[in-house]
Each structure stands twice: as structure tokens, then as C-alpha cells.
Amino acid sequence: MTPATSQPTTNATEPLLDVRNLVVEYPVGRSVHRAVDDVSFRIAKGKTLAVVGESGCGKSTIAKALVRLLRPTSGQILVDGTDIAQLSEKQLRPMRSRIQMVFQDPYGSLDPHLSAADIVAEPLSLKGVRSKAERHREAARLIDLVGLPESALDRRPAEFSGGQRQRIGIARALASEPALLICDEATSALDVSVQAQVLALLAELQRATNVTC
């Protein structure tokens, strides 16, 4: 099926993300299933784009392709002019910190054995921040940024509500200082009132950091 897409913008500003004729196919027995069929869209820096469609139409597949959790069958995914669609994992590694994802399931996307501080600090370690004290300070700043109290730092995911867990997921994504934040139905598993809070938080963070969503 073909998911709903936006039309290319006419903004003269060079887009941060430019997706061209994206196709993603999965093998099914001896044939293939085309989950994403010739999708194109563009989005400028600091802006938000929503891809809307019915369940199973390919939205999550697009999201996974954009962060290269899967490799597209064909098409281009240009991030600041660099096509990441067919890069090898080694070539892609320097780009990883610039593109982060907030997952749909706030319950399954966090390591249950780690504290909130350790979850948020993990990307900092991958970025080469060796000082444990520095990682903890930055984790505390991000936890505060997403509206959680300092007491949350030492608690584990099971001690939080769904909305709070999603805030931790957002803080973890922001730890890499990404230019592009991909949200895969980041509020669908939450109560309606909590959905509104998380969406308002994302809008506030976008104003503060100019991240593209």
C-alpha cells in the first residue's frame, strides 16, 4: 500500500530532509511485499512534517528507513544533501548521532535494568564523553528539560507512567543533539490527555533546539 505523503515544499530554503521516490520491500515467501511505494517529501530545518495513513500502510516502515534501521529497496534519503539510503554501516556511523528516533512503545523501548540517568547518558558515552560525572550532569539537564524531577534520575522504567517513560525516550534521543528527530507514533500508546502533554513537549523542545521533526 502507498502511505499518505506531503507534496514537496516550494520553500526556497534547502531542506534538511529530502526523501525521493522511496521504495521498501519485504520478502514474503518467494515473492516480495511492497510496504512503501514511491514516497517523496521534503522538510526544512526546524519544521515538523506528519505522515498520515491507516494502520499497516507503511508509516513505521518509512520511519525505520529514515533512521536506517532497515535499508530501502530504492530511492534516496538526503540529509543535508548526503544520501544515506544505501550507505554501509561504517559509512553511516558518523551520521547516527544526527538522526534519532522516539519509538512508539514507551514500555518496550527502554532497558528495564537501567536507571533513567543511565538510559539518557548512554548516547553520550557512544559520543565519546568519557567522564561519568559529565554524563550524569548532562543526563540531569535533559531529564529536567523534558519536565521530569531530579528524583527521576535514579529510578528505573517500571517506576514511571507511560507518559513519563516517553519523556525519558525523548531525553535519550536529544542527548545526541540530533538535527532530525523521527517520532514513530510516539503518542499512540498513551492516554489522550498524556498525548497532548507529549505533543506540547515536542513543540516546546523544537522551539528551544530547532530540531526537525
C-alpha atoms as a PDB file:
ATOM      1  CA  MET A   1       0.000   0.000   0.000  1.00  0.00           C
ATOM      2  CA  THR A   2       1.087   3.584  -0.516  1.00  0.00           C
ATOM      3  CA  PRO A   3       1.113   5.782   2.605  1.00  0.00           C
ATOM      4  CA  ALA A   4      -0.199   9.322   2.539  1.00  0.00           C
ATOM      5  CA  THR A   5       2.591  11.813   1.932  1.00  0.00           C
ATOM      6  CA  SER A   6       3.088  15.529   1.750  1.00  0.00           C
ATOM      7  CA  GLN A   7       3.836  17.240  -1.512  1.00  0.00           C
ATOM      8  CA  PRO A   8       7.336  18.717  -1.936  1.00  0.00           C
ATOM      9  CA  THR A   9       7.512  22.175  -0.457  1.00  0.00           C
ATOM     10  CA  THR A  10       8.216  25.272  -2.506  1.00  0.00           C
ATOM     11  CA  ASN A  11      10.274  26.863   0.260  1.00  0.00           C
ATOM     12  CA  ALA A  12      13.494  28.213  -1.173  1.00  0.00           C
ATOM     13  CA  THR A  13      15.333  27.057   1.961  1.00  0.00           C
ATOM     14  CA  GLU A  14      17.365  23.934   1.322  1.00  0.00           C
ATOM     15  CA  PRO A  15      15.565  21.066   3.122  1.00  0.00           C
ATOM     16  CA  LEU A  16      17.226  19.211   5.961  1.00  0.00           C
ATOM     17  CA  LEU A  17      15.480  16.022   4.823  1.00  0.00           C
ATOM     18  CA  ASP A  18      14.662  15.275   1.203  1.00  0.00           C
ATOM     19  CA  VAL A  19      13.113  11.863   0.513  1.00  0.00           C
ATOM     20  CA  ARG A  20      12.868  10.935  -3.159  1.00  0.00           C
ATOM     21  CA  ASN A  21      10.928   8.008  -4.609  1.00  0.00           C
ATOM     22  CA  LEU A  22      11.404   5.820  -1.546  1.00  0.00           C
ATOM     23  CA  VAL A  23      10.570   2.140  -2.008  1.00  0.00           C
ATOM     24  CA  VAL A  24      10.810  -0.512   0.717  1.00  0.00           C
ATOM     25  CA  GLU A  25      10.026  -4.158   0.020  1.00  0.00           C
ATOM     26  CA  TYR A  26       9.982  -7.185   2.315  1.00  0.00           C
ATOM     27  CA  PRO A  27      10.485 -10.770   1.151  1.00  0.00           C
ATOM     28  CA  VAL A  28       7.342 -12.866   1.617  1.00  0.00           C
ATOM     29  CA  GLY A  29       7.980 -16.482   0.705  1.00  0.00           C
ATOM     30  CA  ARG A  30       9.109 -16.471  -2.913  1.00  0.00           C
ATOM     31  CA  SER A  31       7.696 -13.025  -3.626  1.00  0.00           C
ATOM     32  CA  VAL A  32       8.020  -9.547  -2.114  1.00  0.00           C
ATOM     33  CA  HIS A  33       5.627  -7.209  -0.341  1.00  0.00           C
ATOM     34  CA  ARG A  34       5.989  -3.527  -1.238  1.00  0.00           C
ATOM     35  CA  ALA A  35       5.381  -1.763   2.082  1.00  0.00           C
ATOM     36  CA  VAL A  36       6.378   1.718   0.846  1.00  0.00           C
ATOM     37  CA  ASP A  37       5.684   2.621  -2.759  1.00  0.00           C
ATOM     38  CA  ASP A  38       7.431   5.609  -4.372  1.00  0.00           C
ATOM     39  CA  VAL A  39       7.115   8.102  -1.495  1.00  0.00           C
ATOM     40  CA  SER A  40       8.650  11.588  -1.746  1.00  0.00           C
ATOM     41  CA  PHE A  41       8.616  14.546   0.652  1.00  0.00           C
ATOM     42  CA  ARG A  42      10.824  17.381   1.860  1.00  0.00           C
ATOM     43  CA  ILE A  43      11.101  19.184   5.182  1.00  0.00           C
ATOM     44  CA  ALA A  44      13.021  22.332   6.088  1.00  0.00           C
ATOM     45  CA  LYS A  45      15.227  22.706   9.161  1.00  0.00           C
ATOM     46  CA  GLY A  46      13.324  23.315  12.364  1.00  0.00           C
ATOM     47  CA  LYS A  47       9.950  22.300  10.899  1.00  0.00           C
ATOM     48  CA  THR A  48       7.556  19.413  11.519  1.00  0.00           C
ATOM     49  CA  LEU A  49       6.069  17.035   8.959  1.00  0.00           C
ATOM     50  CA  ALA A  50       3.391  14.442   9.693  1.00  0.00           C
ATOM     51  CA  VAL A  51       2.875  11.350   7.544  1.00  0.00           C
ATOM     52  CA  VAL A  52      -0.736  10.246   7.946  1.00  0.00           C
ATOM     53  CA  GLY A  53      -2.282   6.932   6.952  1.00  0.00           C
ATOM     54  CA  GLU A  54      -4.261   3.927   8.092  1.00  0.00           C
ATOM     55  CA  SER A  55      -2.769   1.122  10.156  1.00  0.00           C
ATOM     56  CA  GLY A  56      -0.408  -1.043   8.112  1.00  0.00           C
ATOM     57  CA  CYS A  57       0.073   1.448   5.287  1.00  0.00           C
ATOM     58  CA  GLY A  58       3.825   1.846   5.820  1.00  0.00           C
ATOM     59  CA  LYS A  59       4.304   4.758   8.245  1.00  0.00           C
ATOM     60  CA  SER A  60       6.574   2.859  10.650  1.00  0.00           C
ATOM     61  CA  THR A  61       8.485   1.382   7.717  1.00  0.00           C
ATOM     62  CA  ILE A  62       9.200   4.906   6.465  1.00  0.00           C
ATOM     63  CA  ALA A  63      10.382   5.894   9.961  1.00  0.00           C
ATOM     64  CA  LYS A  64      12.702   2.886  10.211  1.00  0.00           C
ATOM     65  CA  ALA A  65      14.101   3.606   6.760  1.00  0.00           C
ATOM     66  CA  LEU A  66      14.812   7.230   7.700  1.00  0.00           C
ATOM     67  CA  VAL A  67      16.927   6.162  10.676  1.00  0.00           C
ATOM     68  CA  ARG A  68      18.308   3.238   8.646  1.00  0.00           C
ATOM     69  CA  LEU A  69      17.056   0.512  10.918  1.00  0.00           C
ATOM     70  CA  LEU A  70      16.302  -1.053   7.543  1.00  0.00           C
ATOM     71  CA  ARG A  71      17.792  -0.439   4.104  1.00  0.00           C
ATOM     72  CA  PRO A  72      15.442   0.902   1.411  1.00  0.00           C
ATOM     73  CA  THR A  73      14.955  -1.119  -1.760  1.00  0.00           C
ATOM     74  CA  SER A  74      15.398   2.013  -3.851  1.00  0.00           C
ATOM     75  CA  GLY A  75      15.113   5.783  -3.686  1.00  0.00           C
ATOM     76  CA  GLN A  76      17.079   8.466  -1.881  1.00  0.00           C
ATOM     77  CA  ILE A  77      17.104   9.784   1.692  1.00  0.00           C
ATOM     78  CA  LEU A  78      19.078  13.020   1.622  1.00  0.00           C
ATOM     79  CA  VAL A  79      20.052  14.519   4.981  1.00  0.00           C
ATOM     80  CA  ASP A  80      21.705  17.891   4.445  1.00  0.00           C
ATOM     81  CA  GLY A  81      22.451  16.736   0.910  1.00  0.00           C
ATOM     82  CA  THR A  82      24.018  13.375   1.885  1.00  0.00           C
ATOM     83  CA  ASP A  83      22.150  10.322   0.605  1.00  0.00           C
ATOM     84  CA  ILE A  84      22.086   7.825   3.475  1.00  0.00           C
ATOM     85  CA  ALA A  85      19.795   5.310   1.776  1.00  0.00           C
ATOM     86  CA  GLN A  86      22.463   2.885   0.624  1.00  0.00           C
ATOM     87  CA  LEU A  87      25.409   3.752   2.876  1.00  0.00           C
ATOM     88  CA  SER A  88      27.194   0.880   4.584  1.00  0.00           C
ATOM     89  CA  GLU A  89      27.002   0.698   8.371  1.00  0.00           C
ATOM     90  CA  LYS A  90      30.573   2.010   8.612  1.00  0.00           C
ATOM     91  CA  GLN A  91      29.784   4.956   6.339  1.00  0.00           C
ATOM     92  CA  LEU A  92      26.564   5.622   8.235  1.00  0.00           C
ATOM     93  CA  ARG A  93      28.120   5.657  11.706  1.00  0.00           C
ATOM     94  CA  PRO A  94      29.137   9.366  11.699  1.00  0.00           C
ATOM     95  CA  MET A  95      25.537  10.275  10.769  1.00  0.00           C
ATOM     96  CA  ARG A  96      23.875   8.269  13.536  1.00  0.00           C
ATOM     97  CA  SER A  97      24.007  10.998  16.162  1.00  0.00           C
ATOM     98  CA  ARG A  98      22.330  13.480  13.797  1.00  0.00           C
ATOM     99  CA  ILE A  99      19.246  11.293  13.290  1.00  0.00           C
ATOM    100  CA  GLN A 100      17.446   9.953  16.347  1.00  0.00           C
ATOM    101  CA  MET A 101      14.155   8.182  16.926  1.00  0.00           C
ATOM    102  CA  VAL A 102      11.397   8.238  19.539  1.00  0.00           C
ATOM    103  CA  PHE A 103       9.711   4.850  19.408  1.00  0.00           C
ATOM    104  CA  GLN A 104       6.020   4.046  19.542  1.00  0.00           C
ATOM    105  CA  ASP A 105       6.182   1.810  22.623  1.00  0.00           C
ATOM    106  CA  PRO A 106       7.369   3.664  25.747  1.00  0.00           C
ATOM    107  CA  TYR A 107       7.288   0.371  27.638  1.00  0.00           C
ATOM    108  CA  GLY A 108       9.472  -1.732  25.353  1.00  0.00           C
ATOM    109  CA  SER A 109      11.940   0.896  24.134  1.00  0.00           C
ATOM    110  CA  LEU A 110      13.745   1.449  27.464  1.00  0.00           C
ATOM    111  CA  ASP A 111      16.148  -1.004  29.114  1.00  0.00           C
ATOM    112  CA  PRO A 112      14.316  -2.115  32.295  1.00  0.00           C
ATOM    113  CA  HIS A 113      17.604  -2.774  34.113  1.00  0.00           C
ATOM    114  CA  LEU A 114      18.995   0.766  33.771  1.00  0.00           C
ATOM    115  CA  SER A 115      18.137   3.904  35.685  1.00  0.00           C
ATOM    116  CA  ALA A 116      16.706   6.882  33.804  1.00  0.00           C
ATOM    117  CA  ALA A 117      20.076   8.630  34.180  1.00  0.00           C
ATOM    118  CA  ASP A 118      21.925   5.695  32.609  1.00  0.00           C
ATOM    119  CA  ILE A 119      19.403   5.411  29.767  1.00  0.00           C
ATOM    120  CA  VAL A 120      19.747   9.083  28.879  1.00  0.00           C
ATOM    121  CA  ALA A 121      23.533   9.074  29.345  1.00  0.00           C
ATOM    122  CA  GLU A 122      24.136   6.036  27.110  1.00  0.00           C
ATOM    123  CA  PRO A 123      24.268   8.056  23.840  1.00  0.00           C
ATOM    124  CA  LEU A 124      26.754  10.425  25.488  1.00  0.00           C
ATOM    125  CA  SER A 125      29.094   7.504  26.122  1.00  0.00           C
ATOM    126  CA  LEU A 126      28.787   6.500  22.471  1.00  0.00           C
ATOM    127  CA  LYS A 127      29.662  10.097  21.512  1.00  0.00           C
ATOM    128  CA  GLY A 128      32.911   9.786  23.465  1.00  0.00           C
ATOM    129  CA  VAL A 129      32.009  11.630  26.672  1.00  0.00           C
ATOM    130  CA  ARG A 130      34.244   9.619  28.994  1.00  0.00           C
ATOM    131  CA  SER A 131      33.634  11.435  32.269  1.00  0.00           C
ATOM    132  CA  LYS A 132      30.886   9.705  34.227  1.00  0.00           C
ATOM    133  CA  ALA A 133      30.241  12.906  36.170  1.00  0.00           C
ATOM    134  CA  GLU A 134      29.842  14.886  32.950  1.00  0.00           C
ATOM    135  CA  ARG A 135      27.450  12.298  31.513  1.00  0.00           C
ATOM    136  CA  HIS A 136      25.390  12.402  34.712  1.00  0.00           C
ATOM    137  CA  ARG A 137      25.235  16.214  34.661  1.00  0.00           C
ATOM    138  CA  GLU A 138      24.032  16.237  31.066  1.00  0.00           C
ATOM    139  CA  ALA A 139      21.501  13.479  31.787  1.00  0.00           C
ATOM    140  CA  ALA A 140      20.173  15.557  34.687  1.00  0.00           C
ATOM    141  CA  ARG A 141      19.864  18.587  32.414  1.00  0.00           C
ATOM    142  CA  LEU A 142      17.933  16.608  29.804  1.00  0.00           C
ATOM    143  CA  ILE A 143      15.660  14.989  32.399  1.00  0.00           C
ATOM    144  CA  ASP A 144      14.832  18.493  33.615  1.00  0.00           C
ATOM    145  CA  LEU A 145      14.366  19.697  30.030  1.00  0.00           C
ATOM    146  CA  VAL A 146      11.622  17.127  29.404  1.00  0.00           C
ATOM    147  CA  GLY A 147       9.815  18.084  32.595  1.00  0.00           C
ATOM    148  CA  LEU A 148      10.765  15.267  34.972  1.00  0.00           C
ATOM    149  CA  PRO A 149      12.016  15.893  38.544  1.00  0.00           C
ATOM    150  CA  GLU A 150      15.592  15.303  39.641  1.00  0.00           C
ATOM    151  CA  SER A 151      14.362  12.345  41.689  1.00  0.00           C
ATOM    152  CA  ALA A 152      13.622  10.535  38.410  1.00  0.00           C
ATOM    153  CA  LEU A 153      17.327  10.096  37.676  1.00  0.00           C
ATOM    154  CA  ASP A 154      17.813   7.036  39.882  1.00  0.00           C
ATOM    155  CA  ARG A 155      14.501   5.335  39.123  1.00  0.00           C
ATOM    156  CA  ARG A 156      14.023   2.510  36.617  1.00  0.00           C
ATOM    157  CA  PRO A 157      11.418   2.406  33.817  1.00  0.00           C
ATOM    158  CA  ALA A 158       8.962   0.225  35.759  1.00  0.00           C
ATOM    159  CA  GLU A 159       8.569   3.057  38.280  1.00  0.00           C
ATOM    160  CA  PHE A 160       7.277   5.523  35.669  1.00  0.00           C
ATOM    161  CA  SER A 161       3.966   6.020  33.888  1.00  0.00           C
ATOM    162  CA  GLY A 162       3.747   5.638  30.111  1.00  0.00           C
ATOM    163  CA  GLY A 163       3.946   9.376  29.548  1.00  0.00           C
ATOM    164  CA  GLN A 164       6.966   9.689  31.816  1.00  0.00           C
ATOM    165  CA  ARG A 165       8.702   6.828  30.013  1.00  0.00           C
ATOM    166  CA  GLN A 166       8.122   8.558  26.704  1.00  0.00           C
ATOM    167  CA  ARG A 167       9.697  11.708  28.149  1.00  0.00           C
ATOM    168  CA  ILE A 168      12.760   9.638  29.062  1.00  0.00           C
ATOM    169  CA  GLY A 169      12.830   8.305  25.490  1.00  0.00           C
ATOM    170  CA  ILE A 170      12.738  11.864  24.180  1.00  0.00           C
ATOM    171  CA  ALA A 171      15.533  12.915  26.558  1.00  0.00           C
ATOM    172  CA  ARG A 172      17.629   9.969  25.356  1.00  0.00           C
ATOM    173  CA  ALA A 173      17.069  10.965  21.733  1.00  0.00           C
ATOM    174  CA  LEU A 174      18.049  14.569  22.465  1.00  0.00           C
ATOM    175  CA  ALA A 175      21.283  13.517  24.181  1.00  0.00           C
ATOM    176  CA  SER A 176      22.933  13.130  20.772  1.00  0.00           C
ATOM    177  CA  GLU A 177      21.935  16.709  19.827  1.00  0.00           C
ATOM    178  CA  PRO A 178      20.207  15.456  16.657  1.00  0.00           C
ATOM    179  CA  ALA A 179      19.279  17.644  13.733  1.00  0.00           C
ATOM    180  CA  LEU A 180      16.435  15.261  12.850  1.00  0.00           C
ATOM    181  CA  LEU A 181      14.045  13.577  15.280  1.00  0.00           C
ATOM    182  CA  ILE A 182      11.861  10.783  13.891  1.00  0.00           C
ATOM    183  CA  CYS A 183       8.770  10.071  16.008  1.00  0.00           C
ATOM    184  CA  ASP A 184       7.129   6.749  15.191  1.00  0.00           C
ATOM    185  CA  GLU A 185       3.583   7.284  16.511  1.00  0.00           C
ATOM    186  CA  ALA A 186       5.224   8.446  19.719  1.00  0.00           C
ATOM    187  CA  THR A 187       1.915   9.137  21.484  1.00  0.00           C
ATOM    188  CA  SER A 188      -0.310   6.308  20.222  1.00  0.00           C
ATOM    189  CA  ALA A 189       0.246   4.085  23.284  1.00  0.00           C
ATOM    190  CA  LEU A 190      -0.653   6.896  25.708  1.00  0.00           C
ATOM    191  CA  ASP A 191      -3.891   8.214  27.178  1.00  0.00           C
ATOM    192  CA  VAL A 192      -5.409  11.163  25.313  1.00  0.00           C
ATOM    193  CA  SER A 193      -4.519  13.726  27.996  1.00  0.00           C
ATOM    194  CA  VAL A 194      -0.933  12.445  28.124  1.00  0.00           C
ATOM    195  CA  GLN A 195      -0.724  12.519  24.316  1.00  0.00           C
ATOM    196  CA  ALA A 196      -1.423  16.260  24.435  1.00  0.00           C
ATOM    197  CA  GLN A 197       1.318  16.761  27.031  1.00  0.00           C
ATOM    198  CA  VAL A 198       3.919  14.886  24.986  1.00  0.00           C
ATOM    199  CA  LEU A 199       2.988  16.745  21.779  1.00  0.00           C
ATOM    200  CA  ALA A 200       3.240  20.061  23.620  1.00  0.00           C
ATOM    201  CA  LEU A 201       6.642  19.000  24.961  1.00  0.00           C
ATOM    202  CA  LEU A 202       7.903  18.155  21.468  1.00  0.00           C
ATOM    203  CA  ALA A 203       6.727  21.540  20.184  1.00  0.00           C
ATOM    204  CA  GLU A 204       8.455  23.304  23.085  1.00  0.00           C
ATOM    205  CA  LEU A 205      11.685  21.372  22.521  1.00  0.00           C
ATOM    206  CA  GLN A 206      11.585  22.203  18.825  1.00  0.00           C
ATOM    207  CA  ARG A 207      11.356  25.910  19.621  1.00  0.00           C
ATOM    208  CA  ALA A 208      14.275  25.580  22.050  1.00  0.00           C
ATOM    209  CA  THR A 209      16.592  23.427  19.898  1.00  0.00           C
ATOM    210  CA  ASN A 210      15.391  23.977  16.305  1.00  0.00           C
ATOM    211  CA  VAL A 211      15.298  20.207  15.811  1.00  0.00           C
ATOM    212  CA  THR A 212      13.450  18.981  12.717  1.00  0.00           C
ATOM    213  CA  CYS A 213      10.640  16.511  13.485  1.00  0.00           C
END
